[in-house]
Each structure stands twice: as C-alpha cells, then as structure tokens.
C-alpha cells in the first residue's frame, strides 16, 4: 500500500483499504474534535488492496458521499470541505465519533454474501426468506443484515440481529436497524428515479462522545459500499451488471490474470483497459445519480 500523503497542519494516524485518517497538528479546540478523512485512489478486491490505483476514484467517492449526505437530510459527521490543496476534492473534515462496531447493511435484493447464505440456509443473517428466490431477486421487503467489522485484510462476518445487539446493546441495535432501513428506503427511491436499482448498501454510525446522539459517518452510498444495478438490464436469475469494481473482480478471477485468489501470492497489477473501464463505471454512477458532470 502506498504511503499516506504528508498534509500541512495534519498528522496521519491510520490508513484503511481506501481512506486515510489525519488529526490536526498542535493545540486548539479542534484537536480531538475533528479528523480529516481522505479518499485515496486505491482499490481493493477479495480482501487485498491492489497495487494499481484507479484515477479519480477518491474524488468520485467523496463527491458522491457529499451529495448523498445532502440528499438524505439526517445528522452526519461532515463539518467542512475546506481542506488543504494537496487533497482538494477528495477529503472532508469530519466530526470525530465513537463508532459502533457494526456494519449496518440493508438488502433489498439477493446478491453477494446474502445469496450464498440464502442458498445454504434459506435465510440471511437469521432472517427467513421465501423459497424459490434466485440471484438478483427482489426481496419481499428490505432486510437488515448486520456484520461485524474485520481487521484490514480480513472478511467482515455477517451476524444475526441478536449478535449485533449483544455487541452494542438492544436499544442501540434497534436504533441502528431502524435508521439503516429508513435510509435505504429513501436512497433506493432516489436511485430508482434515476433508473438505478440500489440492491444493497452499508452504513456506519457513531455517537458524539459524551452523548447518545447517533450520527451517520464514514462514506455513504458509494459504489464501494453499495451494489448499484442499471434498472434497464435487471434480470433475476443471473449476475447483474453493476456500477462498481466488477471489471476488476472479473479480470482477477480470469485466466488472463494468472492469479490464484486462494493462494498466498498478492494480486498482480491491473492492465490499463481494466483501469480505464473501472474509472468510467465509477464516473457513470456519479453522473447518473447526481445529474452532474464529473
């Protein structure tokens, strides 16, 4: 993974798969209250951060998150987009939150790990589903399917509501479930107006330290955290074309890459055409959703 950039006035404290986190340097009221969240152009697949970056990906993720925070109209962690020039367009100054250790996932369609669970047990995260569903099926109603957060390089683990409640408390888990389904319903409605299906998405929430107020954090409703499908090509019973890193996954698992995802060797660099098509897919998602040119 490339080293995080040096940013005047900010000290690097953490790097995830895609985002770098910084704290203010020196004294003042802001120290301890805010962080600088920088979206890099890194891309991950199959629990690996790839050696090749996708140009403009960090800017797309940031711009789309900001648009969704505005559209959703709920309390969130963004304080300012007045950031140093070196990270302009791909960074946000955010309120520091005490994050809940639960990935809050809403699913309206059957895909991904939810499809695998359903085929094994007829349920997803303990939520029983009707017989006869296939890949891409619309669920009778959206469901809350939480996951525990994993360390970098590890899989998040899908869990039942009861296990999530054991981690954060029954009252908090209920609040997180209700907020997640509320936000999913609103976002799915907005996406549908633009000819896009929001199949599933992940939210992260935290509390302002010293309070019980629940705040929406992290990124929101980007192609990295959501499964978006073009409505015009939706057809249950097969894998759906999606606005995300599917080109990357498809190439990595093809004979052309020569990579064994189950082995110990890290993934190879991506070819230029895969990089270009992946960048175009992220930009298309932004432009179709927002109606704005990137």
Protein backbone atom coordinates (compact mmCIF):
# COMPACT_ATOMS: atom_id res chain seq x y z
CA UNK A 1 0.00 0.00 0.00
CA UNK A 2 1.35 3.46 -0.93
CA UNK A 3 2.36 5.71 1.95
CA UNK A 4 -0.21 8.28 3.02
CA UNK A 5 0.46 11.81 1.78
CA UNK A 6 2.03 14.43 4.02
CA UNK A 7 -0.57 17.16 4.61
CA UNK A 8 0.34 20.52 6.16
CA UNK A 9 -1.35 21.01 9.52
CA UNK A 10 -2.45 17.39 9.80
CA UNK A 11 -0.81 14.26 11.19
CA UNK A 12 -1.51 10.84 9.65
CA UNK A 13 -2.93 8.37 12.19
CA UNK A 14 -4.50 5.49 10.21
CA UNK A 15 -4.97 4.01 6.75
CA UNK A 16 -7.76 1.64 5.73
CA UNK A 17 -8.22 -0.09 2.40
CA UNK A 18 -9.22 3.16 0.70
CA UNK A 19 -9.25 6.00 3.24
CA UNK A 20 -6.52 7.77 5.19
CA UNK A 21 -7.27 9.47 8.50
CA UNK A 22 -5.48 12.54 9.90
CA UNK A 23 -5.63 14.56 13.14
CA UNK A 24 -4.97 18.30 13.48
CA UNK A 25 -1.42 19.17 14.50
CA UNK A 26 -0.80 21.41 17.52
CA UNK A 27 -3.19 22.94 20.03
CA UNK A 28 -6.61 24.50 19.74
CA UNK A 29 -10.20 23.46 20.27
CA UNK A 30 -10.30 21.39 17.07
CA UNK A 31 -7.72 18.87 18.26
CA UNK A 32 -9.58 15.78 19.38
CA UNK A 33 -12.89 17.02 17.95
CA UNK A 34 -12.33 16.62 14.21
CA UNK A 35 -10.45 14.41 11.77
CA UNK A 36 -9.52 14.77 8.10
CA UNK A 37 -10.82 11.87 6.03
CA UNK A 38 -9.02 11.46 2.70
CA UNK A 39 -10.33 9.10 0.00
CA UNK A 40 -7.40 7.70 -1.98
CA UNK A 41 -7.49 6.19 -5.46
CA UNK A 42 -6.69 2.75 -4.03
CA UNK A 43 -8.98 -0.14 -4.88
CA UNK A 44 -9.44 -3.41 -3.04
CA UNK A 45 -10.81 -6.79 -4.09
CA UNK A 46 -11.01 -10.13 -2.35
CA UNK A 47 -9.59 -8.60 0.84
CA UNK A 48 -6.47 -7.31 -0.91
CA UNK A 49 -5.50 -3.71 -1.63
CA UNK A 50 -4.37 -3.85 -5.25
CA UNK A 51 -1.03 -2.43 -6.45
CA UNK A 52 -2.78 -0.39 -9.18
CA UNK A 53 -4.85 2.72 -8.40
CA UNK A 54 -7.95 3.94 -10.26
CA UNK A 55 -7.53 7.60 -11.29
CA UNK A 56 -10.14 9.99 -9.80
CA UNK A 57 -11.75 7.24 -7.71
CA UNK A 58 -11.17 9.11 -4.44
CA UNK A 59 -12.69 12.28 -5.87
CA UNK A 60 -15.75 10.38 -7.14
CA UNK A 61 -16.30 8.69 -3.76
CA UNK A 62 -16.00 11.99 -1.90
CA UNK A 63 -18.27 13.94 -4.26
CA UNK A 64 -20.92 11.22 -4.24
CA UNK A 65 -20.84 10.87 -0.44
CA UNK A 66 -21.27 14.63 -0.03
CA UNK A 67 -24.21 14.61 -2.45
CA UNK A 68 -25.89 11.77 -0.57
CA UNK A 69 -25.33 13.37 2.84
CA UNK A 70 -27.17 16.42 1.46
CA UNK A 71 -29.97 14.36 -0.09
CA UNK A 72 -30.64 12.17 2.96
CA UNK A 73 -31.12 15.09 5.33
CA UNK A 74 -30.05 13.31 8.53
CA UNK A 75 -27.32 14.26 11.04
CA UNK A 76 -23.91 13.27 9.69
CA UNK A 77 -20.25 13.73 10.51
CA UNK A 78 -19.13 16.18 7.79
CA UNK A 79 -18.08 19.54 9.19
CA UNK A 80 -16.34 21.18 6.23
CA UNK A 81 -14.91 20.61 2.76
CA UNK A 82 -12.34 23.41 3.28
CA UNK A 83 -9.27 21.17 3.09
CA UNK A 84 -5.60 21.61 2.13
CA UNK A 85 -4.93 21.94 -1.61
CA UNK A 86 -2.95 18.69 -1.76
CA UNK A 87 -6.17 16.73 -1.06
CA UNK A 88 -8.71 19.15 -2.50
CA UNK A 89 -11.77 17.37 -3.90
CA UNK A 90 -11.12 14.08 -2.14
CA UNK A 91 -11.17 14.97 1.55
CA UNK A 92 -13.66 16.05 4.22
CA UNK A 93 -13.17 17.50 7.68
CA UNK A 94 -15.39 15.35 9.89
CA UNK A 95 -16.54 15.27 13.47
CA UNK A 96 -14.78 12.58 15.47
CA UNK A 97 -17.28 9.92 16.50
CA UNK A 98 -17.28 6.91 18.78
CA UNK A 99 -18.15 4.39 16.06
CA UNK A 100 -20.42 1.43 16.63
CA UNK A 101 -18.51 -1.82 15.90
CA UNK A 102 -21.21 -2.99 13.48
CA UNK A 103 -21.54 -2.67 9.71
CA UNK A 104 -25.19 -1.74 9.14
CA UNK A 105 -26.23 -3.45 5.90
CA UNK A 106 -29.62 -3.16 4.21
CA UNK A 107 -30.56 -5.53 1.40
CA UNK A 108 -33.47 -5.12 -0.98
CA UNK A 109 -32.28 -7.74 -3.48
CA UNK A 110 -30.50 -11.07 -3.24
CA UNK A 111 -26.81 -10.93 -4.18
CA UNK A 112 -23.30 -11.36 -2.85
CA UNK A 113 -22.84 -12.94 0.57
CA UNK A 114 -26.60 -12.78 1.10
CA UNK A 115 -27.15 -15.06 -1.88
CA UNK A 116 -24.55 -17.52 -0.54
CA UNK A 117 -26.27 -17.62 2.87
CA UNK A 118 -29.72 -18.00 1.34
CA UNK A 119 -28.61 -20.95 -0.80
CA UNK A 120 -27.17 -22.62 2.29
CA UNK A 121 -29.97 -22.00 4.78
CA UNK A 122 -32.93 -20.17 3.22
CA UNK A 123 -32.14 -17.18 5.44
CA UNK A 124 -29.78 -14.20 5.59
CA UNK A 125 -28.39 -13.17 8.98
CA UNK A 126 -31.18 -15.15 10.62
CA UNK A 127 -33.93 -13.50 8.53
CA UNK A 128 -36.01 -16.25 6.90
CA UNK A 129 -36.80 -15.67 3.22
CA UNK A 130 -39.31 -17.33 0.86
CA UNK A 131 -38.36 -20.38 -1.16
CA UNK A 132 -37.58 -20.04 -4.84
CA UNK A 133 -35.55 -16.84 -4.83
CA UNK A 134 -32.66 -16.61 -7.30
CA UNK A 135 -29.67 -14.36 -7.83
CA UNK A 136 -30.93 -10.80 -8.30
CA UNK A 137 -34.42 -11.48 -6.89
CA UNK A 138 -36.17 -8.55 -5.25
CA UNK A 139 -36.89 -9.39 -1.61
CA UNK A 140 -40.46 -9.15 -0.25
CA UNK A 141 -39.20 -6.25 1.86
CA UNK A 142 -35.77 -4.78 2.61
CA UNK A 143 -33.95 -6.54 5.45
CA UNK A 144 -31.30 -5.50 7.99
CA UNK A 145 -28.28 -7.82 7.81
CA UNK A 146 -25.53 -6.55 10.12
CA UNK A 147 -21.89 -7.58 10.02
CA UNK A 148 -19.04 -7.34 12.47
CA UNK A 149 -16.13 -5.17 11.39
CA UNK A 150 -12.98 -7.09 10.48
CA UNK A 151 -9.35 -6.03 10.60
CA UNK A 152 -7.66 -4.93 7.37
CA UNK A 153 -7.26 -7.98 5.12
CA UNK A 154 -9.97 -9.99 6.87
CA UNK A 155 -13.62 -10.67 5.95
CA UNK A 156 -16.44 -8.84 7.72
CA UNK A 157 -18.69 -11.51 9.23
CA UNK A 158 -22.45 -11.46 8.68
CA UNK A 159 -24.26 -11.84 12.02
CA UNK A 160 -27.81 -12.00 13.32
CA UNK A 161 -29.58 -9.03 14.87
CA UNK A 162 -29.22 -10.77 18.24
CA UNK A 163 -25.43 -10.92 17.90
CA UNK A 164 -25.33 -7.25 16.91
CA UNK A 165 -27.46 -6.43 19.96
CA UNK A 166 -25.04 -8.37 22.15
CA UNK A 167 -22.22 -6.18 20.83
CA UNK A 168 -23.87 -2.76 21.16
CA UNK A 169 -26.97 -3.28 23.33
CA UNK A 170 -30.59 -3.98 22.39
CA UNK A 171 -31.65 -0.32 22.31
CA UNK A 172 -28.73 0.79 20.15
CA UNK A 173 -29.11 -2.18 17.78
CA UNK A 174 -32.80 -1.40 17.31
CA UNK A 175 -31.99 2.23 16.60
CA UNK A 176 -29.28 1.25 14.09
CA UNK A 177 -31.63 -1.20 12.34
CA UNK A 178 -34.43 1.35 12.06
CA UNK A 179 -32.09 4.09 10.78
CA UNK A 180 -30.49 1.74 8.27
CA UNK A 181 -33.79 0.63 6.76
CA UNK A 182 -35.11 4.21 6.74
CA UNK A 183 -32.04 5.49 4.88
CA UNK A 184 -32.06 2.55 2.48
CA UNK A 185 -35.70 3.17 1.57
CA UNK A 186 -35.03 6.83 0.91
CA UNK A 187 -31.88 6.19 -1.12
CA UNK A 188 -33.49 3.37 -3.14
CA UNK A 189 -36.35 5.71 -4.05
CA UNK A 190 -33.94 8.43 -5.20
CA UNK A 191 -31.85 5.95 -7.21
CA UNK A 192 -34.96 4.45 -8.85
CA UNK A 193 -35.96 7.90 -10.11
CA UNK A 194 -32.65 7.87 -11.99
CA UNK A 195 -33.05 4.40 -13.46
CA UNK A 196 -30.77 2.68 -10.94
CA UNK A 197 -31.51 -0.16 -8.53
CA UNK A 198 -29.88 0.06 -5.12
CA UNK A 199 -29.61 -3.65 -4.41
CA UNK A 200 -27.87 -3.30 -1.06
CA UNK A 201 -25.71 -0.87 0.89
CA UNK A 202 -23.69 -0.48 4.06
CA UNK A 203 -23.91 2.37 6.55
CA UNK A 204 -21.71 3.13 9.54
CA UNK A 205 -22.90 5.09 12.54
CA UNK A 206 -21.28 6.60 15.61
CA UNK A 207 -22.04 8.68 18.66
CA UNK A 208 -20.78 12.10 19.55
CA UNK A 209 -18.58 11.33 22.59
CA UNK A 210 -20.42 12.01 25.82
CA UNK A 211 -23.86 11.80 24.19
CA UNK A 212 -26.23 9.15 22.87
CA UNK A 213 -26.94 11.01 19.62
CA UNK A 214 -26.46 8.66 16.67
CA UNK A 215 -24.70 10.21 13.67
CA UNK A 216 -24.16 8.88 10.14
CA UNK A 217 -20.43 8.51 9.47
CA UNK A 218 -17.83 7.13 7.06
CA UNK A 219 -18.68 7.22 3.34
CA UNK A 220 -22.25 6.79 2.23
CA UNK A 221 -23.91 5.15 -0.79
CA UNK A 222 -20.84 4.99 -3.00
CA UNK A 223 -20.07 2.16 -5.43
CA UNK A 224 -17.56 0.90 -2.84
CA UNK A 225 -20.20 0.49 -0.12
CA UNK A 226 -23.26 -0.21 -2.29
CA UNK A 227 -24.41 -2.53 -5.05
CA UNK A 228 -25.93 -0.45 -7.86
CA UNK A 229 -27.51 -2.03 -10.93
CA UNK A 230 -28.86 -0.35 -14.09
CA UNK A 231 -32.63 -0.87 -13.88
CA UNK A 232 -32.92 -1.40 -17.63
CA UNK A 233 -30.75 -4.54 -17.54
CA UNK A 234 -32.06 -6.11 -14.32
CA UNK A 235 -32.95 -9.75 -14.87
CA UNK A 236 -33.25 -12.13 -11.89
CA UNK A 237 -31.52 -15.47 -12.28
CA UNK A 238 -28.08 -14.20 -13.29
CA UNK A 239 -25.32 -11.90 -12.14
CA UNK A 240 -26.30 -8.26 -12.75
CA UNK A 241 -24.08 -5.65 -14.42
CA UNK A 242 -23.07 -3.22 -11.68
CA UNK A 243 -21.62 0.24 -11.13
CA UNK A 244 -18.56 -0.80 -9.15
CA UNK A 245 -15.30 -2.75 -9.36
CA UNK A 246 -16.81 -5.75 -11.17
CA UNK A 247 -14.35 -5.34 -14.05
CA UNK A 248 -11.54 -5.69 -11.52
CA UNK A 249 -13.02 -8.79 -9.87
CA UNK A 250 -13.75 -10.41 -13.25
CA UNK A 251 -10.19 -9.86 -14.50
CA UNK A 252 -8.58 -11.07 -11.27
CA UNK A 253 -10.52 -14.35 -11.42
CA UNK A 254 -9.93 -14.85 -15.17
CA UNK A 255 -7.08 -16.91 -16.67
CA UNK A 256 -5.62 -13.65 -18.02
CA UNK A 257 -4.51 -12.52 -14.56
CA UNK A 258 -2.77 -15.77 -13.69
CA UNK A 259 -3.69 -15.15 -10.04
CA UNK A 260 -4.96 -17.68 -7.53
CA UNK A 261 -7.22 -15.77 -5.12
CA UNK A 262 -7.00 -18.65 -2.64
CA UNK A 263 -3.20 -18.72 -2.63
CA UNK A 264 -0.61 -16.66 -0.76
CA UNK A 265 0.57 -14.53 -3.68
CA UNK A 266 -0.72 -10.93 -3.77
CA UNK A 267 -2.77 -9.81 -6.79
CA UNK A 268 -0.91 -8.59 -9.89
CA UNK A 269 -1.11 -5.04 -11.31
CA UNK A 270 -4.23 -4.28 -13.33
CA UNK A 271 -3.98 -3.79 -17.12
CA UNK A 272 -4.72 -0.34 -18.50
CA UNK A 273 -8.04 -1.30 -20.10
CA UNK A 274 -9.42 -2.65 -16.79
CA UNK A 275 -8.31 0.55 -15.03
CA UNK A 276 -9.97 2.74 -17.68
CA UNK A 277 -13.25 0.81 -17.71
CA UNK A 278 -13.42 0.77 -13.90
CA UNK A 279 -12.83 4.53 -13.71
CA UNK A 280 -15.55 5.08 -16.32
CA UNK A 281 -18.01 2.96 -14.32
CA UNK A 282 -17.45 4.97 -11.13
CA UNK A 283 -17.84 8.25 -13.01
CA UNK A 284 -21.02 6.97 -14.71
CA UNK A 285 -22.51 6.08 -11.33
CA UNK A 286 -21.82 9.59 -10.04
CA UNK A 287 -23.23 11.31 -13.12
CA UNK A 288 -26.38 9.17 -13.39
CA UNK A 289 -27.21 9.56 -9.71
CA UNK A 290 -26.47 13.26 -9.29
CA UNK A 291 -27.27 14.54 -12.78
CA UNK A 292 -23.99 16.45 -12.64
CA UNK A 293 -20.93 16.19 -14.90
CA UNK A 294 -17.85 14.94 -13.09
